[in-house]
Amino acid sequence: MEQFAAILLEWYALHGRDLPWRHTRDPYRIWLSEVILQQTRVAQGMDYYLRFLARFPEVGALAAASEDEVLKLWQGLGYYSRARNLHEAARQVVERFGGAFPTQYAAVRSLPGVGDYTAAAICSAACNAPHAAVDGNVYRVLARLFDIDTPIDTAEGRKAFAELAQTLLDTARPGRYNQAIMDFGALQCTPKNPRCEDCPLAGKCLARAAGTATRRPVKQGRTQIRDRWFNYLHITCGRSTLLCRREARDVWRGLYEFPMIETDGPTDFATLAALPRFRELTGNGWQLLRSVELPPHRLSHRTIRATVHRIETAQAAPAAGTIAIETSALGDYAVPRLLERYLTSLHTDREQRFAAHETAGIPVLGTDYLNK
């Protein structure tokens, strides 16, 4: 489309976002921002980017870190396979490229977790390589501009959009062009309520003319979501708490959680307490303090329906598959987002109870109170 790139770049000069990774040609920093911002809003991802960069200023530091430390820093972003790929890619950069992050498209594309989009974004921004980056924003802009009804989640669609994006690329300024079209999709041509009335491309937009803008881009079908029921046992013994590390190829692999019993559906506590695994975890001398049903936690392919049962036990030795940690060290372990929220609510509840005790003139108990 004639003058498309020029119009886009003019819009970007006026409205583009001022982001720290756009002030560098360092491929490591650009890669870090791209991985963190995949399916994450800039407002949320910014803090993670700055924390990662402060802790791992260069790729060798990230490669030398433990997986637990990387997952802890990533906690709350979700899609933890990306954090594991980030860590493994850093190790491969050290092993295969001598610690110098590559800038050749094929080499970047060969790293774990790096797809066509990420490789194009890194190479175009770091060294002006002429590769069009196609993310969700780009799909939306092009689908509306050309009123394309080919589903973007098919091989045919991905190929067609990649070819179209490449033909429109400003090869003289590919890095700036890629940033411009992505910002245009994020700020102007938004998923809902696009700002068509002041869009510089409104007169050229075929979907606007046809009245199909809200139906573009097209997706072939929805992923079926299934429910899973997690029954967590928040078990403490004195100053210790039991944790497990998820090792299976399943959600949250590598993260820590309370011992958990998964069931096929909602399960009452009496039924749960009769299971052999429950008895193995709690021993004979245990007391249920309370049960907390957590809000449904939605992932891409499933909804986790979790309940946490707060239990004190006299058993000191951890059961198979668990570790006993100091309760005060819980914050050092990377946990799933739904358990992070649960622990935050416990902390808030404790503060409120302490405040109530102080207001009423009731003496505040010692650290055992904090564990109850």
Protein backbone atom coordinates (compact mmCIF):
# COMPACT_ATOMS: atom_id res chain seq x y z
CA MET A 1 0.00 0.00 0.00
CA GLU A 2 1.51 3.28 -1.15
CA GLN A 3 2.83 5.57 1.60
CA PHE A 4 1.85 3.09 4.33
CA ALA A 5 5.28 3.03 5.99
CA ALA A 6 5.67 6.82 5.77
CA ILE A 7 2.27 7.42 7.41
CA LEU A 8 3.04 4.88 10.11
CA LEU A 9 6.45 6.35 10.91
CA GLU A 10 5.02 9.86 11.04
CA TRP A 11 2.37 8.65 13.52
CA TYR A 12 5.08 6.89 15.56
CA ALA A 13 7.18 10.05 15.79
CA LEU A 14 4.23 11.77 17.48
CA HIS A 15 2.70 8.95 19.54
CA GLY A 16 5.29 6.17 19.97
CA ARG A 17 6.03 5.00 23.50
CA ASP A 18 9.33 5.95 25.13
CA LEU A 19 10.57 2.57 26.39
CA PRO A 20 14.04 1.78 27.76
CA TRP A 21 14.77 -1.11 25.39
CA ARG A 22 14.23 1.27 22.46
CA HIS A 23 17.27 3.27 23.52
CA THR A 24 19.73 0.43 23.02
CA ARG A 25 21.16 -1.73 20.24
CA ASP A 26 22.20 -4.39 22.76
CA PRO A 27 20.53 -7.61 21.48
CA TYR A 28 20.55 -9.12 24.99
CA ARG A 29 18.46 -6.28 26.41
CA ILE A 30 16.13 -6.28 23.42
CA TRP A 31 15.69 -10.07 23.69
CA LEU A 32 15.00 -9.78 27.42
CA SER A 33 12.26 -7.21 26.81
CA GLU A 34 10.67 -9.26 24.03
CA VAL A 35 10.48 -12.44 26.11
CA ILE A 36 9.04 -10.63 29.13
CA LEU A 37 6.49 -8.71 27.06
CA GLN A 38 5.08 -11.71 25.20
CA GLN A 39 1.39 -11.64 26.16
CA THR A 40 2.21 -9.16 28.94
CA ARG A 41 1.19 -5.51 29.05
CA VAL A 42 4.04 -3.00 29.00
CA ALA A 43 2.86 -1.48 32.30
CA GLN A 44 3.25 -4.86 34.01
CA GLY A 45 6.35 -5.99 32.14
CA MET A 46 8.39 -2.84 32.77
CA ASP A 47 9.11 -3.64 36.42
CA TYR A 48 10.12 -7.20 35.54
CA TYR A 49 12.44 -5.97 32.80
CA LEU A 50 14.17 -3.53 35.15
CA ARG A 51 14.50 -6.15 37.91
CA PHE A 52 15.94 -8.75 35.53
CA LEU A 53 18.37 -6.23 34.10
CA ALA A 54 19.47 -5.10 37.56
CA ARG A 55 20.11 -8.69 38.65
CA PHE A 56 21.45 -9.93 35.28
CA PRO A 57 23.08 -6.97 33.49
CA GLU A 58 24.58 -9.26 30.85
CA VAL A 59 23.76 -12.68 29.44
CA GLY A 60 26.56 -14.47 31.33
CA ALA A 61 25.03 -13.51 34.69
CA LEU A 62 21.67 -14.93 33.63
CA ALA A 63 23.32 -18.12 32.40
CA ALA A 64 25.14 -18.58 35.72
CA ALA A 65 21.98 -18.17 37.84
CA SER A 66 20.02 -21.07 39.27
CA GLU A 67 16.65 -21.97 37.79
CA ASP A 68 15.03 -21.28 41.15
CA GLU A 69 16.32 -17.70 41.13
CA VAL A 70 15.13 -17.08 37.58
CA LEU A 71 11.67 -18.49 38.35
CA LYS A 72 11.42 -16.40 41.51
CA LEU A 73 12.15 -13.20 39.56
CA TRP A 74 9.62 -14.29 36.93
CA GLN A 75 6.93 -15.05 39.53
CA GLY A 76 3.60 -13.48 38.62
CA LEU A 77 4.18 -13.28 34.85
CA GLY A 78 2.80 -16.74 34.12
CA TYR A 79 3.83 -18.97 31.20
CA TYR A 80 6.79 -20.27 33.21
CA SER A 81 8.09 -22.29 30.26
CA ARG A 82 9.23 -18.92 28.90
CA ALA A 83 11.35 -18.32 31.98
CA ARG A 84 12.93 -21.76 31.62
CA ASN A 85 13.58 -21.12 27.92
CA LEU A 86 15.04 -17.72 28.79
CA HIS A 87 17.46 -19.37 31.19
CA GLU A 88 18.40 -22.17 28.77
CA ALA A 89 18.87 -19.71 25.90
CA ALA A 90 21.28 -17.66 28.02
CA ARG A 91 23.28 -20.81 28.73
CA GLN A 92 23.41 -21.63 25.03
CA VAL A 93 24.61 -18.12 24.20
CA VAL A 94 27.51 -18.69 26.59
CA GLU A 95 28.23 -22.21 25.35
CA ARG A 96 27.69 -21.72 21.60
CA PHE A 97 28.50 -18.05 21.04
CA GLY A 98 31.11 -17.34 23.70
CA GLY A 99 28.76 -15.14 25.70
CA ALA A 100 28.13 -12.67 22.85
CA PHE A 101 24.42 -12.56 22.03
CA PRO A 102 24.06 -13.30 18.30
CA THR A 103 22.52 -10.86 15.81
CA GLN A 104 22.23 -13.12 12.75
CA TYR A 105 18.59 -14.14 12.26
CA ALA A 106 19.27 -17.89 11.92
CA ALA A 107 21.43 -17.96 15.05
CA VAL A 108 18.91 -16.00 17.11
CA ARG A 109 16.05 -18.14 15.80
CA SER A 110 17.91 -21.29 16.93
CA LEU A 111 17.76 -20.30 20.62
CA PRO A 112 15.15 -21.97 22.89
CA GLY A 113 11.89 -20.07 23.06
CA VAL A 114 12.73 -17.77 20.12
CA GLY A 115 10.23 -17.87 17.26
CA ASP A 116 9.99 -15.99 13.98
CA TYR A 117 8.53 -12.87 15.58
CA THR A 118 11.09 -12.60 18.40
CA ALA A 119 14.04 -13.24 16.07
CA ALA A 120 12.80 -10.57 13.65
CA ALA A 121 12.20 -8.06 16.44
CA ILE A 122 15.68 -8.58 17.92
CA CYS A 123 17.60 -8.50 14.66
CA SER A 124 15.75 -5.50 13.23
CA ALA A 125 16.09 -3.46 16.43
CA ALA A 126 19.69 -4.45 17.18
CA CYS A 127 21.22 -4.16 13.71
CA ASN A 128 18.49 -3.00 11.30
CA ALA A 129 18.18 -6.42 9.68
CA PRO A 130 15.29 -6.33 7.15
CA HIS A 131 12.90 -8.74 8.89
CA ALA A 132 9.25 -7.88 9.52
CA ALA A 133 8.09 -8.73 13.04
CA VAL A 134 4.52 -10.06 13.17
CA ASP A 135 2.88 -10.12 16.59
CA GLY A 136 -0.76 -9.85 17.67
CA ASN A 137 -0.78 -6.10 17.09
CA VAL A 138 0.56 -6.49 13.57
CA TYR A 139 -1.97 -9.21 12.73
CA ARG A 140 -4.75 -6.88 13.83
CA VAL A 141 -3.52 -3.83 11.91
CA LEU A 142 -2.99 -5.73 8.66
CA ALA A 143 -6.19 -7.77 8.94
CA ARG A 144 -8.22 -4.58 9.30
CA LEU A 145 -6.31 -2.49 6.80
CA PHE A 146 -6.74 -5.12 4.06
CA ASP A 147 -9.96 -6.67 5.45
CA ILE A 148 -8.41 -10.14 5.52
CA ASP A 149 -10.66 -12.98 6.71
CA THR A 150 -8.03 -15.72 6.60
CA PRO A 151 -7.71 -17.11 10.17
CA ILE A 152 -4.44 -16.06 11.78
CA ASP A 153 -4.19 -19.30 13.79
CA THR A 154 -3.71 -21.48 10.69
CA ALA A 155 -0.57 -22.29 8.71
CA GLU A 156 -2.10 -20.58 5.67
CA GLY A 157 -2.87 -17.45 7.65
CA ARG A 158 0.52 -17.19 9.32
CA LYS A 159 2.26 -17.58 5.95
CA ALA A 160 0.03 -15.02 4.22
CA PHE A 161 0.44 -12.39 6.94
CA ALA A 162 4.21 -12.95 7.16
CA GLU A 163 4.55 -12.40 3.40
CA LEU A 164 2.31 -9.31 3.47
CA ALA A 165 4.19 -7.82 6.42
CA GLN A 166 7.50 -8.34 4.64
CA THR A 167 6.30 -6.56 1.50
CA LEU A 168 5.23 -3.52 3.56
CA LEU A 169 8.44 -3.33 5.60
CA ASP A 170 10.50 -0.15 5.39
CA THR A 171 13.82 -1.85 4.65
CA ALA A 172 15.75 1.37 5.28
CA ARG A 173 14.47 1.58 8.87
CA PRO A 174 13.15 -1.89 9.73
CA GLY A 175 13.71 -1.61 13.47
CA ARG A 176 11.84 1.66 13.79
CA TYR A 177 9.12 0.45 11.39
CA ASN A 178 8.51 -2.72 13.44
CA GLN A 179 8.23 -0.68 16.62
CA ALA A 180 5.88 1.76 14.88
CA ILE A 181 3.39 -0.83 13.63
CA MET A 182 3.36 -2.63 16.98
CA ASP A 183 2.69 0.60 18.85
CA PHE A 184 0.04 1.52 16.29
CA GLY A 185 -1.78 -1.71 17.09
CA ALA A 186 -1.36 -1.27 20.83
CA LEU A 187 -2.45 2.39 21.01
CA GLN A 188 -4.49 3.25 17.91
CA CYS A 189 -5.86 0.10 16.26
CA THR A 190 -6.79 -1.52 19.57
CA PRO A 191 -8.67 -4.84 19.93
CA LYS A 192 -11.75 -3.11 21.32
CA ASN A 193 -12.93 0.40 20.51
CA PRO A 194 -10.24 1.21 17.92
CA ARG A 195 -9.69 4.94 17.46
CA CYS A 196 -10.88 5.02 13.85
CA GLU A 197 -12.09 8.63 14.03
CA ASP A 198 -8.55 10.03 14.30
CA CYS A 199 -6.66 7.25 12.52
CA PRO A 200 -4.27 8.47 9.80
CA LEU A 201 -5.03 5.29 7.85
CA ALA A 202 -8.83 5.51 8.14
CA GLY A 203 -9.28 6.45 4.49
CA LYS A 204 -7.27 3.42 3.38
CA CYS A 205 -8.76 0.87 5.83
CA LEU A 206 -10.86 -1.69 3.94
CA ALA A 207 -12.36 -3.22 7.09
CA ARG A 208 -13.59 0.19 8.23
CA ALA A 209 -15.20 0.75 4.85
CA ALA A 210 -16.82 -2.70 4.95
CA GLY A 211 -17.90 -2.41 8.60
CA THR A 212 -15.90 -5.51 9.60
CA ALA A 213 -13.19 -3.92 11.76
CA THR A 214 -14.49 -5.46 15.00
CA ARG A 215 -14.41 -8.90 13.34
CA ARG A 216 -10.77 -8.70 12.29
CA PRO A 217 -8.53 -10.54 12.71
CA VAL A 218 -10.28 -13.89 12.38
CA LYS A 219 -9.37 -16.91 14.48
CA GLN A 220 -10.30 -20.42 13.41
CA GLY A 221 -11.54 -21.72 16.73
CA ARG A 222 -11.32 -21.50 20.45
CA THR A 223 -9.25 -23.79 22.64
CA GLN A 224 -11.41 -25.98 24.85
CA ILE A 225 -10.90 -25.09 28.51
CA ARG A 226 -11.13 -27.83 31.11
CA ASP A 227 -11.37 -27.63 34.88
CA ARG A 228 -8.86 -29.12 37.31
CA TRP A 229 -9.30 -29.37 41.06
CA PHE A 230 -6.24 -28.82 43.28
CA ASN A 231 -6.51 -29.49 47.01
CA TYR A 232 -3.56 -27.84 48.74
CA LEU A 233 -2.44 -28.79 52.23
CA HIS A 234 -0.77 -25.84 53.92
CA ILE A 235 0.98 -27.91 56.57
CA THR A 236 3.06 -26.35 59.34
CA CYS A 237 4.92 -27.94 62.20
CA GLY A 238 6.29 -25.46 64.69
CA ARG A 239 8.31 -22.96 62.66
CA SER A 240 8.44 -25.18 59.55
CA THR A 241 6.23 -25.39 56.48
CA LEU A 242 6.06 -28.21 53.93
CA LEU A 243 6.61 -27.48 50.24
CA CYS A 244 6.83 -29.53 47.05
CA ARG A 245 8.58 -28.68 43.78
CA ARG A 246 6.59 -29.38 40.64
CA GLU A 247 8.77 -31.59 38.45
CA ALA A 248 6.35 -33.18 35.96
CA ARG A 249 5.77 -31.71 32.49
CA ASP A 250 2.67 -29.88 33.62
CA VAL A 251 1.63 -26.39 34.63
CA TRP A 252 4.14 -24.47 36.77
CA ARG A 253 7.00 -26.93 36.34
CA GLY A 254 9.91 -25.90 38.56
CA LEU A 255 7.78 -23.83 40.94
CA TYR A 256 7.11 -24.61 44.58
CA GLU A 257 3.71 -25.20 46.12
CA PHE A 258 2.13 -26.72 49.19
CA PRO A 259 1.64 -30.49 49.02
CA MET A 260 -1.30 -30.99 46.70
CA ILE A 261 -3.82 -33.73 46.00
CA GLU A 262 -5.56 -33.38 42.63
CA THR A 263 -9.07 -34.82 42.36
CA ASP A 264 -11.50 -35.27 39.47
CA GLY A 265 -13.96 -32.79 40.94
CA PRO A 266 -14.84 -30.83 44.07
CA THR A 267 -13.93 -32.84 47.18
CA ASP A 268 -15.06 -32.25 50.77
CA PHE A 269 -12.42 -32.27 53.48
CA ALA A 270 -13.62 -35.51 55.10
CA THR A 271 -13.13 -37.40 51.83
CA LEU A 272 -9.72 -35.80 51.35
CA ALA A 273 -8.62 -36.69 54.90
CA ALA A 274 -9.40 -40.36 54.27
CA LEU A 275 -6.92 -40.61 51.37
CA PRO A 276 -3.58 -42.40 51.98
CA ARG A 277 -1.57 -39.42 50.68
CA PHE A 278 -3.24 -37.11 53.18
CA ARG A 279 -2.34 -39.43 56.06
CA GLU A 280 1.22 -39.72 54.75
CA LEU A 281 1.57 -35.95 54.71
CA THR A 282 -0.04 -35.15 58.04
CA GLY A 283 0.64 -38.15 60.27
CA ASN A 284 -1.68 -38.80 63.17
CA GLY A 285 -1.54 -35.65 65.26
CA TRP A 286 -2.98 -32.91 63.07
CA GLN A 287 -5.51 -30.11 63.37
CA LEU A 288 -7.44 -28.34 60.62
CA LEU A 289 -7.36 -24.59 61.26
CA ARG A 290 -9.40 -23.47 58.27
CA SER A 291 -10.12 -24.10 54.59
CA VAL A 292 -9.92 -21.36 51.96
CA GLU A 293 -11.48 -21.72 48.52
CA LEU A 294 -9.41 -19.63 46.12
CA PRO A 295 -10.90 -17.74 43.16
CA PRO A 296 -10.75 -19.71 39.87
CA HIS A 297 -7.32 -19.32 38.26
CA ARG A 298 -7.58 -19.30 34.47
CA LEU A 299 -4.73 -20.49 32.30
CA SER A 300 -4.66 -20.80 28.52
CA HIS A 301 -6.07 -24.34 28.39
CA ARG A 302 -7.51 -24.95 31.83
CA THR A 303 -9.10 -23.40 34.87
CA ILE A 304 -7.57 -24.29 38.24
CA ARG A 305 -10.12 -24.54 41.05
CA ALA A 306 -8.07 -24.68 44.22
CA THR A 307 -8.79 -24.97 47.92
CA VAL A 308 -6.14 -24.52 50.60
CA HIS A 309 -6.55 -26.42 53.87
CA ARG A 310 -4.48 -24.88 56.69
CA ILE A 311 -3.24 -27.70 58.90
CA GLU A 312 -1.00 -27.93 61.96
CA THR A 313 0.70 -31.23 62.57
CA ALA A 314 2.90 -32.76 65.23
CA GLN A 315 4.87 -34.70 62.61
CA ALA A 316 8.34 -33.23 62.22
CA ALA A 317 9.75 -35.29 59.33
CA PRO A 318 8.66 -34.29 55.80
CA ALA A 319 6.81 -36.90 53.77
CA ALA A 320 8.08 -38.27 50.46
CA GLY A 321 8.34 -35.62 47.77
CA THR A 322 8.25 -32.69 50.21
CA ILE A 323 10.78 -30.46 51.88
CA ALA A 324 10.48 -28.69 55.24
CA ILE A 325 11.53 -25.04 55.16
CA GLU A 326 11.56 -22.26 57.72
CA THR A 327 8.18 -20.55 57.48
CA SER A 328 9.95 -17.19 57.52
CA ALA A 329 11.74 -18.19 54.26
CA LEU A 330 8.55 -18.81 52.26
CA GLY A 331 9.06 -15.60 50.33
CA ASP A 332 12.34 -16.91 48.91
CA TYR A 333 10.59 -19.61 46.87
CA ALA A 334 8.90 -19.10 43.50
CA VAL A 335 5.26 -20.13 43.79
CA PRO A 336 2.32 -20.04 41.35
CA ARG A 337 0.39 -16.80 41.19
CA LEU A 338 -2.70 -18.19 42.92
CA LEU A 339 -0.62 -19.26 45.94
CA GLU A 340 1.23 -15.95 45.95
CA ARG A 341 -2.16 -14.25 46.32
CA TYR A 342 -3.12 -16.66 49.09
CA LEU A 343 0.09 -15.93 51.01
CA THR A 344 -0.42 -12.19 50.51
CA SER A 345 -3.93 -12.49 51.94
CA LEU A 346 -2.53 -14.35 54.97
CA HIS A 347 -0.03 -11.56 55.57
CA THR A 348 -2.78 -8.94 55.29
CA ASP A 349 -4.98 -10.93 57.65
CA ARG A 350 -2.18 -11.18 60.22
CA GLU A 351 -1.57 -7.43 60.09
CA GLN A 352 -5.26 -6.77 60.62
CA ARG A 353 -5.38 -9.16 63.57
CA PHE A 354 -2.33 -7.57 65.15
CA ALA A 355 -3.90 -4.13 64.70
CA ALA A 356 -7.14 -5.36 66.28
CA HIS A 357 -5.24 -6.81 69.26
CA GLU A 358 -3.34 -3.58 69.79
CA THR A 359 -6.51 -1.45 69.54
CA ALA A 360 -8.25 -3.68 72.09
CA GLY A 361 -5.23 -3.66 74.41
CA ILE A 362 -4.70 -7.41 74.03
CA PRO A 363 -1.03 -8.48 74.30
CA VAL A 364 0.46 -9.53 70.96
CA LEU A 365 1.67 -13.12 70.95
CA GLY A 366 5.09 -14.27 69.75
CA THR A 367 6.12 -15.85 66.47
CA ASP A 368 3.98 -18.93 67.00
CA TYR A 369 1.02 -16.62 66.46
CA LEU A 370 2.34 -15.79 63.01
CA ASN A 371 2.25 -19.45 62.02
CA LYS A 372 -1.41 -19.90 62.91
